[in-house]
Amino acid sequence: MRRTRKTCPVCESGVRVVDYKDERTLSRFTTERGKILPSRLSGMCARHQRMVSVAVKRARQIALLPFIRGYTR
């Protein structure tokens, strides 16, 4: 049995460019621990998966998103 293909949430919303400053959108594509969701779980197309991964990495560098959530020393 084949599963139905998920539609890309970024394509559906009509967003042309994924912005690294939009924390709410980027947090939707990360796990509760701060990892980037794979496209098979999020349903994103390959183009938008690459755009989201670059945006998340940029947001981490300027401290908009944490590298690891819930980490305490």
C-alpha atoms as a PDB file:
ATOM      1  CA  MET A   1       0.000   0.000   0.000  1.00  0.00           C
ATOM      2  CA  ARG A   2       1.336   3.392  -0.941  1.00  0.00           C
ATOM      3  CA  ARG A   3       0.891   6.423   1.211  1.00  0.00           C
ATOM      4  CA  THR A   4      -0.545   9.557  -0.264  1.00  0.00           C
ATOM      5  CA  ARG A   5       2.067  12.178  -0.995  1.00  0.00           C
ATOM      6  CA  LYS A   6       2.029  15.115   1.392  1.00  0.00           C
ATOM      7  CA  THR A   7       1.819  18.539  -0.175  1.00  0.00           C
ATOM      8  CA  CYS A   8       4.497  21.081   0.552  1.00  0.00           C
ATOM      9  CA  PRO A   9       3.277  23.522   3.251  1.00  0.00           C
ATOM     10  CA  VAL A  10       5.529  26.276   1.892  1.00  0.00           C
ATOM     11  CA  CYS A  11       4.155  25.873  -1.655  1.00  0.00           C
ATOM     12  CA  GLU A  12       0.594  25.889  -0.325  1.00  0.00           C
ATOM     13  CA  SER A  13       1.095  29.118   1.598  1.00  0.00           C
ATOM     14  CA  GLY A  14       2.484  30.834  -1.499  1.00  0.00           C
ATOM     15  CA  VAL A  15       5.755  31.919   0.103  1.00  0.00           C
ATOM     16  CA  ARG A  16       8.423  32.566  -2.508  1.00  0.00           C
ATOM     17  CA  VAL A  17      11.423  32.905  -0.180  1.00  0.00           C
ATOM     18  CA  VAL A  18      11.844  31.420   3.288  1.00  0.00           C
ATOM     19  CA  ASP A  19      13.169  34.197   5.515  1.00  0.00           C
ATOM     20  CA  TYR A  20      15.640  33.377   8.290  1.00  0.00           C
ATOM     21  CA  LYS A  21      14.188  36.174  10.446  1.00  0.00           C
ATOM     22  CA  ASP A  22      10.739  34.550  10.605  1.00  0.00           C
ATOM     23  CA  GLU A  23      11.136  32.504  13.790  1.00  0.00           C
ATOM     24  CA  ARG A  24       7.539  31.287  13.903  1.00  0.00           C
ATOM     25  CA  THR A  25       7.739  29.666  10.467  1.00  0.00           C
ATOM     26  CA  LEU A  26      11.165  28.152  11.080  1.00  0.00           C
ATOM     27  CA  SER A  27      10.188  26.714  14.453  1.00  0.00           C
ATOM     28  CA  ARG A  28       7.381  24.856  12.680  1.00  0.00           C
ATOM     29  CA  PHE A  29      10.002  22.857  10.752  1.00  0.00           C
ATOM     30  CA  THR A  30      12.190  21.995  13.743  1.00  0.00           C
ATOM     31  CA  THR A  31      11.695  19.364  16.432  1.00  0.00           C
ATOM     32  CA  GLU A  32      11.241  20.131  20.116  1.00  0.00           C
ATOM     33  CA  ARG A  33      14.972  19.501  20.548  1.00  0.00           C
ATOM     34  CA  GLY A  34      15.894  21.997  17.806  1.00  0.00           C
ATOM     35  CA  LYS A  35      16.702  19.617  14.951  1.00  0.00           C
ATOM     36  CA  ILE A  36      15.520  20.271  11.398  1.00  0.00           C
ATOM     37  CA  LEU A  37      12.666  17.974  10.357  1.00  0.00           C
ATOM     38  CA  PRO A  38      13.370  15.745   7.354  1.00  0.00           C
ATOM     39  CA  SER A  39      11.256  16.290   4.248  1.00  0.00           C
ATOM     40  CA  ARG A  40       9.598  12.887   4.579  1.00  0.00           C
ATOM     41  CA  LEU A  41       8.072  14.044   7.886  1.00  0.00           C
ATOM     42  CA  SER A  42       7.371  17.664   7.034  1.00  0.00           C
ATOM     43  CA  GLY A  43       6.196  16.964   3.467  1.00  0.00           C
ATOM     44  CA  MET A  44       8.273  19.715   1.907  1.00  0.00           C
ATOM     45  CA  CYS A  45       9.546  19.603  -1.644  1.00  0.00           C
ATOM     46  CA  ALA A  46      13.303  19.440  -2.194  1.00  0.00           C
ATOM     47  CA  ARG A  47      13.656  23.122  -3.107  1.00  0.00           C
ATOM     48  CA  HIS A  48      11.908  24.364   0.012  1.00  0.00           C
ATOM     49  CA  GLN A  49      13.656  21.808   2.237  1.00  0.00           C
ATOM     50  CA  ARG A  50      16.990  23.298   1.152  1.00  0.00           C
ATOM     51  CA  MET A  51      15.697  26.838   1.694  1.00  0.00           C
ATOM     52  CA  VAL A  52      14.430  25.999   5.187  1.00  0.00           C
ATOM     53  CA  SER A  53      17.651  24.244   6.197  1.00  0.00           C
ATOM     54  CA  VAL A  54      19.757  27.247   5.116  1.00  0.00           C
ATOM     55  CA  ALA A  55      17.365  29.646   6.879  1.00  0.00           C
ATOM     56  CA  VAL A  56      17.451  27.620  10.126  1.00  0.00           C
ATOM     57  CA  LYS A  57      21.242  27.504  10.067  1.00  0.00           C
ATOM     58  CA  ARG A  58      21.443  31.262   9.510  1.00  0.00           C
ATOM     59  CA  ALA A  59      18.952  31.918  12.316  1.00  0.00           C
ATOM     60  CA  ARG A  60      21.035  29.754  14.641  1.00  0.00           C
ATOM     61  CA  GLN A  61      24.185  31.718  13.840  1.00  0.00           C
ATOM     62  CA  ILE A  62      22.630  35.037  14.826  1.00  0.00           C
ATOM     63  CA  ALA A  63      20.902  33.472  17.878  1.00  0.00           C
ATOM     64  CA  LEU A  64      17.302  33.706  16.707  1.00  0.00           C
ATOM     65  CA  LEU A  65      16.914  29.942  17.086  1.00  0.00           C
ATOM     66  CA  PRO A  66      18.752  27.755  19.582  1.00  0.00           C
ATOM     67  CA  PHE A  67      21.124  25.020  18.431  1.00  0.00           C
ATOM     68  CA  ILE A  68      19.750  22.664  21.098  1.00  0.00           C
ATOM     69  CA  ARG A  69      16.549  23.336  23.017  1.00  0.00           C
ATOM     70  CA  GLY A  70      16.364  22.340  26.643  1.00  0.00           C
ATOM     71  CA  TYR A  71      20.131  22.075  27.046  1.00  0.00           C
ATOM     72  CA  THR A  72      21.455  23.171  30.433  1.00  0.00           C
ATOM     73  CA  ARG A  73      24.969  22.770  31.767  1.00  0.00           C
END
